[in-house]
Amino acid sequence: MMTFGAMLLAACENAKNDTIDNLIYINEASSAKTKEVTMQDGTTRTSVTIRLAKAAEQDVTAELAMDASVLESYNKKNETNYKMPSEENISFPKTVTIKAGSVSAEPIDIDIQSFETEGATYAIPLSIKAVSGIEKAESSSNFMVVLVKALKQPVPAFNYYNAMQAAPLEDWGMNLPNYTLEWWCKMSGFSVNNQAIINSGGGGIELYIRFGDLVYSSGGRYVYNFLQVKTMGSQFDTGDPTSGNGLEADVWYHFAVTYDAATGTSLLYKNGTQIASLVSSVGTPMVIDRLQMISSGSAYFKDECEMCQVRLWKVTRSANQIRKGMYSEVEYTNPDLILYIPMNDGEGATTLRDVTGNGHDVKIGNLESSGGNSSDVTWETYTFAVSYTHLTLPT
């Protein structure tokens, strides 16, 4: 089998067909152009290795740097929007030396100090710059370290007396040919039907999302451990709980609903996987006149609901986009966001911020005038990690 160094030498000839004698490259870039690193609190360390195609008779010194032009080129080619972190948060040796007679330097440590991302994804565009006496392997002299920030946040637990509506309280007047609504939630139980967690719109095109309905029964009794979406004059759900599709209490789920008026198709996703669809009249836009949550009142909302990362988009997000965004924040200023309410405001908060700047903040309990201490919620911190099928334990 031909070694990488030999392949480089065989592949890299100049216009005069003179073979290049040796090449320097980033070892990790020879097999992939990126690697993901999950940022931890404090300092996160990763490493890369600088190599030669073959040993040199003299020391070889290379200069390393973060190169904004490399990041710009990568984003354009891959339709990404990674941002370059500040140099004050990233540290690594700016020079590396491969000793005479060796093909490799010692691994270079890259230290990443945690920083606030505001939902954006950052990447370190590492590049070999000047080199003493050796040519660079152009295809492997740049490498992207993508920084992934795990979603860890305080989460509020709501009861019926926390019923709320996002601002403004008057009719929003939105007609959306496309939308995506997504959120994380965990129910303490499914004791009654019609525990409504999100609703908007009216008439035949309403968007009314609840746990339970008088649809499925077992042993002569109705069961309510399923999510149902009423919209476009019909309804669809996560599946018959008596046939193995029931939701579990005290388990986190990520849900998303999408709509495309061009085909009249609504899709329902659970944990990043499409599980149901509904086809309605082509060309009918979704009317968004408000956004209410925990809204079915004391008669119907009997259990506790923990919820976070509520996002309303004016586009139909793809399955891949939904899966990729589940376990992290998304960029607050994304122009496709109508609202983004992370619900990470923490103990004592009475208002849940819309971080887009579009003004759809939520005052907890503003739909329940007789609820007394309506803004009193409890908070627990959770980490949402991609390695989990669903989440049950706070960290």
Protein backbone atom coordinates (compact mmCIF):
# COMPACT_ATOMS: atom_id res chain seq x y z
CA MET A 1 0.00 0.00 0.00
CA MET A 2 1.31 3.43 -0.92
CA THR A 3 1.99 5.67 2.08
CA PHE A 4 0.45 9.13 2.27
CA GLY A 5 3.86 10.71 1.84
CA ALA A 6 4.49 8.66 -1.27
CA MET A 7 1.09 9.57 -2.67
CA LEU A 8 1.82 13.23 -2.06
CA LEU A 9 5.13 12.97 -3.87
CA ALA A 10 3.56 11.11 -6.76
CA ALA A 11 0.70 13.58 -7.05
CA CYS A 12 2.59 16.84 -6.63
CA GLU A 13 4.52 17.78 -9.74
CA ASN A 14 5.01 21.28 -11.02
CA ALA A 15 4.25 22.50 -14.50
CA LYS A 16 7.67 21.34 -15.74
CA ASN A 17 6.98 17.83 -14.41
CA ASP A 18 9.78 18.16 -11.89
CA THR A 19 8.92 16.02 -8.86
CA ILE A 20 8.71 17.93 -5.57
CA ASP A 21 11.21 16.34 -3.21
CA ASN A 22 9.33 16.71 0.07
CA LEU A 23 6.13 18.17 1.51
CA ILE A 24 4.89 19.33 4.89
CA TYR A 25 1.26 18.90 5.93
CA ILE A 26 -1.21 18.68 8.82
CA ASN A 27 -1.62 14.98 9.47
CA GLU A 28 -5.33 15.18 10.40
CA ALA A 29 -6.07 17.02 7.15
CA SER A 30 -4.84 14.05 5.12
CA SER A 31 -8.01 12.10 5.99
CA ALA A 32 -10.60 14.80 6.81
CA LYS A 33 -10.93 18.54 6.44
CA THR A 34 -12.57 19.12 9.80
CA LYS A 35 -12.96 17.65 13.24
CA GLU A 36 -15.51 18.59 15.88
CA VAL A 37 -14.46 19.44 19.41
CA THR A 38 -17.06 19.86 22.15
CA MET A 39 -16.21 22.87 24.29
CA GLN A 40 -16.26 22.33 28.03
CA ASP A 41 -16.49 24.94 30.76
CA GLY A 42 -13.06 26.47 31.33
CA THR A 43 -10.37 25.12 28.98
CA THR A 44 -10.81 22.49 26.27
CA ARG A 45 -7.72 20.92 24.71
CA THR A 46 -7.32 19.23 21.37
CA SER A 47 -4.24 18.58 19.23
CA VAL A 48 -2.95 18.21 15.69
CA THR A 49 0.32 16.86 14.28
CA ILE A 50 2.56 18.40 11.62
CA ARG A 51 4.34 15.86 9.39
CA LEU A 52 6.66 15.54 6.42
CA ALA A 53 6.23 13.20 3.48
CA LYS A 54 9.73 11.90 4.33
CA ALA A 55 12.42 12.69 6.85
CA ALA A 56 14.68 15.66 6.09
CA GLU A 57 18.40 15.94 6.77
CA GLN A 58 17.92 19.24 8.59
CA ASP A 59 15.42 20.67 11.07
CA VAL A 60 12.25 21.95 9.41
CA THR A 61 10.39 24.84 11.05
CA ALA A 62 6.87 25.90 10.09
CA GLU A 63 4.74 28.83 11.20
CA LEU A 64 1.10 28.24 12.14
CA ALA A 65 -1.78 30.70 12.25
CA MET A 66 -5.55 31.09 12.18
CA ASP A 67 -6.34 32.18 8.64
CA ALA A 68 -9.63 34.02 8.06
CA SER A 69 -9.38 33.49 4.29
CA VAL A 70 -9.32 29.72 4.81
CA LEU A 71 -12.52 29.95 6.86
CA GLU A 72 -14.18 32.19 4.29
CA SER A 73 -13.34 29.75 1.50
CA TYR A 74 -14.59 26.78 3.52
CA ASN A 75 -17.89 28.48 4.34
CA LYS A 76 -18.49 29.38 0.71
CA LYS A 77 -17.73 25.86 -0.52
CA ASN A 78 -19.72 24.03 2.16
CA GLU A 79 -22.63 26.47 2.67
CA THR A 80 -21.74 26.88 6.32
CA ASN A 81 -21.57 30.03 8.40
CA TYR A 82 -18.80 29.26 10.88
CA LYS A 83 -17.24 32.20 12.64
CA MET A 84 -13.63 32.63 13.70
CA PRO A 85 -13.08 32.89 17.47
CA SER A 86 -11.10 35.70 19.01
CA GLU A 87 -7.40 34.94 19.28
CA GLU A 88 -7.58 35.71 22.99
CA ASN A 89 -9.68 32.54 23.43
CA ILE A 90 -7.43 30.26 21.38
CA SER A 91 -3.80 29.40 22.06
CA PHE A 92 -1.32 27.11 20.31
CA PRO A 93 2.40 27.25 19.42
CA LYS A 94 2.92 29.61 16.52
CA THR A 95 5.99 27.69 15.34
CA VAL A 96 6.66 23.98 15.19
CA THR A 97 9.93 22.20 14.43
CA ILE A 98 10.38 18.76 12.94
CA LYS A 99 13.82 17.52 13.91
CA ALA A 100 16.31 16.30 11.34
CA GLY A 101 15.78 12.62 10.59
CA SER A 102 12.17 12.63 11.79
CA VAL A 103 8.97 12.75 9.78
CA SER A 104 6.82 14.20 12.56
CA ALA A 105 6.81 16.92 15.19
CA GLU A 106 5.36 16.38 18.63
CA PRO A 107 1.56 16.87 18.70
CA ILE A 108 0.57 20.53 18.98
CA ASP A 109 -1.88 21.31 21.76
CA ILE A 110 -4.67 23.76 20.97
CA ASP A 111 -6.25 25.25 24.10
CA ILE A 112 -9.73 26.74 23.82
CA GLN A 113 -11.06 28.99 26.56
CA SER A 114 -14.85 28.80 26.84
CA PHE A 115 -16.70 31.85 25.55
CA GLU A 116 -20.26 32.95 24.83
CA THR A 117 -21.31 31.92 21.32
CA GLU A 118 -24.84 33.42 21.21
CA GLY A 119 -25.88 30.37 19.23
CA ALA A 120 -23.27 30.74 16.47
CA THR A 121 -20.89 27.93 15.50
CA TYR A 122 -17.20 28.80 15.62
CA ALA A 123 -14.26 27.11 13.92
CA ILE A 124 -10.47 27.44 14.13
CA PRO A 125 -9.04 27.65 10.59
CA LEU A 126 -5.54 26.32 11.32
CA SER A 127 -3.06 26.91 8.51
CA ILE A 128 0.60 26.20 7.82
CA LYS A 129 2.08 29.50 6.69
CA ALA A 130 5.81 30.04 6.09
CA VAL A 131 8.06 26.96 6.01
CA SER A 132 11.86 26.75 5.92
CA GLY A 133 13.07 24.87 2.86
CA ILE A 134 10.05 22.60 2.30
CA GLU A 135 6.99 22.95 0.10
CA LYS A 136 3.49 22.79 1.62
CA ALA A 137 1.00 20.15 0.55
CA GLU A 138 -1.67 22.64 -0.47
CA SER A 139 -4.56 20.21 -0.04
CA SER A 140 -3.52 19.33 3.52
CA SER A 141 -1.92 22.50 4.85
CA ASN A 142 -5.23 23.81 6.25
CA PHE A 143 -7.48 22.19 8.82
CA MET A 144 -10.74 23.24 10.44
CA VAL A 145 -11.39 22.58 14.14
CA VAL A 146 -15.14 23.08 14.58
CA LEU A 147 -16.13 24.11 18.09
CA VAL A 148 -19.34 22.52 19.31
CA LYS A 149 -20.92 23.94 22.44
CA ALA A 150 -23.11 21.41 24.20
CA LEU A 151 -26.55 22.69 25.12
CA LYS A 152 -26.51 23.07 28.90
CA GLN A 153 -29.00 25.36 30.54
CA PRO A 154 -31.43 25.95 33.40
CA VAL A 155 -34.96 24.91 32.40
CA PRO A 156 -38.27 26.09 33.93
CA ALA A 157 -41.00 23.69 35.05
CA PHE A 158 -44.50 25.00 34.29
CA ASN A 159 -47.93 24.33 35.77
CA TYR A 160 -51.35 25.51 34.56
CA TYR A 161 -51.07 28.79 36.49
CA ASN A 162 -47.97 29.72 34.45
CA ALA A 163 -50.03 30.00 31.23
CA MET A 164 -48.38 32.63 29.05
CA GLN A 165 -48.41 34.47 25.75
CA ALA A 166 -45.52 35.97 23.86
CA ALA A 167 -45.56 39.68 23.06
CA PRO A 168 -47.26 41.44 21.46
CA LEU A 169 -50.59 40.47 23.00
CA GLU A 170 -52.51 41.87 20.03
CA ASP A 171 -52.90 40.00 16.72
CA TRP A 172 -49.52 39.35 15.09
CA GLY A 173 -51.04 39.23 11.61
CA MET A 174 -48.51 36.74 10.17
CA ASN A 175 -49.33 34.65 7.09
CA LEU A 176 -46.59 32.09 6.59
CA PRO A 177 -46.40 29.85 3.51
CA ASN A 178 -43.59 28.05 5.30
CA TYR A 179 -42.74 27.59 8.95
CA THR A 180 -40.95 25.36 11.44
CA LEU A 181 -41.73 25.23 15.15
CA GLU A 182 -39.46 23.24 17.44
CA TRP A 183 -38.90 22.75 21.16
CA TRP A 184 -37.67 20.40 23.90
CA CYS A 185 -40.09 19.28 26.61
CA LYS A 186 -40.59 16.76 29.40
CA MET A 187 -43.92 15.95 31.07
CA SER A 188 -44.23 14.67 34.64
CA GLY A 189 -47.21 12.59 33.49
CA PHE A 190 -50.11 12.26 31.07
CA SER A 191 -53.02 12.09 33.50
CA VAL A 192 -55.64 13.94 31.41
CA ASN A 193 -56.32 14.80 27.79
CA ASN A 194 -55.83 18.23 26.21
CA GLN A 195 -52.72 19.42 28.05
CA ALA A 196 -51.99 22.16 25.52
CA ILE A 197 -48.37 23.33 25.40
CA ILE A 198 -48.41 25.60 22.32
CA ASN A 199 -51.19 27.17 20.29
CA SER A 200 -51.64 29.82 17.63
CA GLY A 201 -54.04 30.71 14.84
CA GLY A 202 -57.75 30.18 14.63
CA GLY A 203 -60.50 28.63 12.57
CA GLY A 204 -59.65 25.73 10.31
CA ILE A 205 -55.94 26.44 10.11
CA GLU A 206 -55.14 26.70 13.81
CA LEU A 207 -51.92 25.33 15.23
CA TYR A 208 -52.86 23.66 18.51
CA ILE A 209 -50.33 21.30 20.09
CA ARG A 210 -51.31 19.20 23.07
CA PHE A 211 -50.69 15.96 24.90
CA GLY A 212 -53.67 13.63 24.73
CA ASP A 213 -57.08 13.54 23.11
CA LEU A 214 -60.07 11.19 23.24
CA VAL A 215 -58.58 9.10 20.44
CA TYR A 216 -56.76 6.06 21.80
CA SER A 217 -58.03 3.68 24.47
CA SER A 218 -56.97 0.53 26.24
CA GLY A 219 -59.05 -1.68 28.51
CA GLY A 220 -62.03 0.61 28.13
CA ARG A 221 -60.09 3.71 29.22
CA TYR A 222 -58.58 6.50 27.17
CA VAL A 223 -54.81 6.97 27.30
CA TYR A 224 -53.14 10.32 26.75
CA ASN A 225 -49.38 9.75 26.43
CA PHE A 226 -49.02 11.05 22.89
CA LEU A 227 -48.44 14.45 21.29
CA GLN A 228 -51.15 15.64 18.93
CA VAL A 229 -50.94 18.54 16.45
CA LYS A 230 -54.24 20.05 15.30
CA THR A 231 -53.78 22.11 12.16
CA MET A 232 -55.25 22.82 8.74
CA GLY A 233 -58.64 21.40 9.71
CA SER A 234 -57.25 18.03 10.74
CA GLN A 235 -54.81 16.49 13.19
CA PHE A 236 -51.90 14.09 13.40
CA ASP A 237 -49.83 12.72 16.25
CA THR A 238 -46.87 10.71 17.50
CA GLY A 239 -48.76 7.45 17.16
CA ASP A 240 -51.02 5.05 19.01
CA PRO A 241 -49.66 4.65 22.55
CA THR A 242 -51.42 1.29 22.87
CA SER A 243 -49.30 -0.02 19.97
CA GLY A 244 -45.87 0.84 21.31
CA ASN A 245 -45.75 4.51 20.32
CA GLY A 246 -46.52 6.02 23.70
CA LEU A 247 -44.43 8.78 25.26
CA GLU A 248 -42.83 8.24 28.65
CA ALA A 249 -43.25 10.49 31.67
CA ASP A 250 -40.11 12.24 32.98
CA VAL A 251 -38.29 11.78 29.67
CA TRP A 252 -37.04 14.60 27.44
CA TYR A 253 -38.21 14.72 23.83
CA HIS A 254 -37.39 17.07 21.01
CA PHE A 255 -40.36 17.84 18.76
CA ALA A 256 -40.61 19.82 15.53
CA VAL A 257 -43.52 20.66 13.23
CA THR A 258 -42.88 21.92 9.72
CA TYR A 259 -45.19 23.18 6.97
CA ASP A 260 -44.82 23.90 3.26
CA ALA A 261 -47.83 25.52 1.58
CA ALA A 262 -46.49 24.67 -1.89
CA THR A 263 -47.33 21.01 -1.23
CA GLY A 264 -49.77 21.50 1.65
CA THR A 265 -47.60 19.17 3.75
CA SER A 266 -47.09 19.30 7.50
CA LEU A 267 -44.46 17.02 9.06
CA LEU A 268 -43.99 15.98 12.67
CA TYR A 269 -40.57 15.06 14.03
CA LYS A 270 -39.66 13.36 17.30
CA ASN A 271 -36.00 13.39 18.38
CA GLY A 272 -34.93 14.44 14.89
CA THR A 273 -36.83 11.70 13.03
CA GLN A 274 -39.95 12.31 10.95
CA ILE A 275 -42.75 10.18 12.39
CA ALA A 276 -45.97 11.56 10.85
CA SER A 277 -47.29 13.74 8.03
CA LEU A 278 -50.48 15.54 7.10
CA VAL A 279 -51.47 16.81 3.65
CA SER A 280 -53.91 19.70 3.42
CA SER A 281 -54.98 22.24 0.80
CA VAL A 282 -52.11 23.42 -1.37
CA GLY A 283 -51.33 27.12 -1.12
CA THR A 284 -52.94 27.84 2.24
CA PRO A 285 -50.62 29.84 4.50
CA MET A 286 -50.39 29.30 8.25
CA VAL A 287 -51.85 32.24 10.13
CA ILE A 288 -49.86 33.12 13.24
CA ASP A 289 -51.93 35.51 15.35
CA ARG A 290 -50.22 34.80 18.68
CA LEU A 291 -48.08 32.26 20.50
CA GLN A 292 -49.48 30.86 23.74
CA MET A 293 -47.97 28.15 25.94
CA ILE A 294 -49.27 25.93 28.78
CA SER A 295 -52.64 27.27 27.78
CA SER A 296 -55.45 24.77 28.44
CA GLY A 297 -56.19 25.95 31.99
CA SER A 298 -56.63 24.33 35.38
CA ALA A 299 -59.35 21.91 34.22
CA TYR A 300 -57.09 20.25 31.65
CA PHE A 301 -53.46 20.98 32.56
CA LYS A 302 -52.91 18.69 35.54
CA ASP A 303 -49.25 17.70 35.12
CA GLU A 304 -45.96 19.58 35.10
CA CYS A 305 -44.18 20.51 31.86
CA GLU A 306 -40.51 21.39 31.56
CA MET A 307 -39.82 23.16 28.29
CA CYS A 308 -37.00 25.02 26.54
CA GLN A 309 -35.47 26.03 23.19
CA VAL A 310 -38.70 27.19 21.57
CA ARG A 311 -37.91 28.33 18.03
CA LEU A 312 -40.30 29.57 15.34
CA TRP A 313 -38.83 29.86 11.83
CA LYS A 314 -40.34 31.35 8.69
CA VAL A 315 -38.86 28.56 6.58
CA THR A 316 -39.42 24.82 6.29
CA ARG A 317 -36.37 23.35 7.99
CA SER A 318 -35.06 20.06 6.60
CA ALA A 319 -34.70 16.90 8.66
CA ASN A 320 -30.94 17.35 8.57
CA GLN A 321 -31.18 20.93 9.83
CA ILE A 322 -33.47 19.87 12.65
CA ARG A 323 -31.17 17.03 13.71
CA LYS A 324 -28.05 19.19 13.55
CA GLY A 325 -29.62 21.97 15.63
CA MET A 326 -31.29 19.89 18.33
CA TYR A 327 -28.39 19.64 20.75
CA SER A 328 -27.03 23.15 20.49
CA GLU A 329 -28.19 26.72 20.30
CA VAL A 330 -28.72 28.35 16.93
CA GLU A 331 -27.46 31.79 16.04
CA TYR A 332 -29.67 34.39 17.67
CA THR A 333 -29.56 36.73 14.68
CA ASN A 334 -30.44 34.15 12.01
CA PRO A 335 -32.75 36.11 9.67
CA ASP A 336 -35.07 33.11 9.26
CA LEU A 337 -36.01 33.13 12.96
CA ILE A 338 -39.29 34.79 13.94
CA LEU A 339 -38.69 34.11 17.60
CA TYR A 340 -36.24 32.13 19.69
CA ILE A 341 -37.03 31.66 23.37
CA PRO A 342 -34.30 29.49 24.95
CA MET A 343 -35.95 29.65 28.41
CA ASN A 344 -32.51 29.69 30.03
CA ASP A 345 -33.17 32.84 32.07
CA GLY A 346 -32.80 31.05 35.41
CA GLU A 347 -34.04 31.26 38.97
CA GLY A 348 -36.13 34.31 39.73
CA ALA A 349 -36.87 35.21 36.11
CA THR A 350 -40.42 36.38 35.45
CA THR A 351 -39.86 37.09 31.74
CA LEU A 352 -38.46 34.66 29.16
CA ARG A 353 -36.39 36.49 26.56
CA ASP A 354 -36.80 36.28 22.81
CA VAL A 355 -33.10 36.45 21.93
CA THR A 356 -33.69 37.35 18.26
CA GLY A 357 -34.42 40.97 19.18
CA ASN A 358 -37.81 40.68 17.44
CA GLY A 359 -39.62 41.54 20.65
CA HIS A 360 -41.54 38.31 21.35
CA ASP A 361 -40.60 38.12 25.03
CA VAL A 362 -42.86 36.05 27.28
CA LYS A 363 -44.05 37.14 30.70
CA ILE A 364 -44.67 33.98 32.70
CA GLY A 365 -48.28 33.67 33.87
CA ASN A 366 -49.72 36.57 31.88
CA LEU A 367 -52.70 34.46 30.69
CA GLU A 368 -53.85 33.47 34.18
CA SER A 369 -55.20 36.49 36.07
CA SER A 370 -56.40 34.42 39.03
CA GLY A 371 -53.27 32.32 39.37
CA GLY A 372 -51.86 34.19 42.37
CA ASN A 373 -48.13 33.58 42.31
CA SER A 374 -48.30 32.96 38.56
CA SER A 375 -44.65 33.71 37.82
CA ASP A 376 -43.32 31.20 40.36
CA VAL A 377 -41.57 28.37 38.52
CA THR A 378 -38.89 25.91 39.59
CA TRP A 379 -35.64 25.56 37.63
CA GLU A 380 -33.35 22.60 36.98
CA THR A 381 -30.15 22.55 34.88
CA TYR A 382 -29.88 19.94 32.11
CA THR A 383 -27.30 19.03 29.51
CA PHE A 384 -28.70 18.02 26.13
CA ALA A 385 -26.14 15.74 24.53
CA VAL A 386 -26.18 14.14 21.10
CA SER A 387 -25.10 10.79 22.55
CA TYR A 388 -28.40 10.47 24.41
CA THR A 389 -31.54 9.07 22.81
CA HIS A 390 -33.52 11.08 25.29
CA LEU A 391 -32.63 12.78 28.51
CA THR A 392 -33.77 11.94 31.98
CA LEU A 393 -31.18 13.19 34.45
CA PRO A 394 -30.14 16.73 35.39
CA THR A 395 -26.41 17.49 35.51
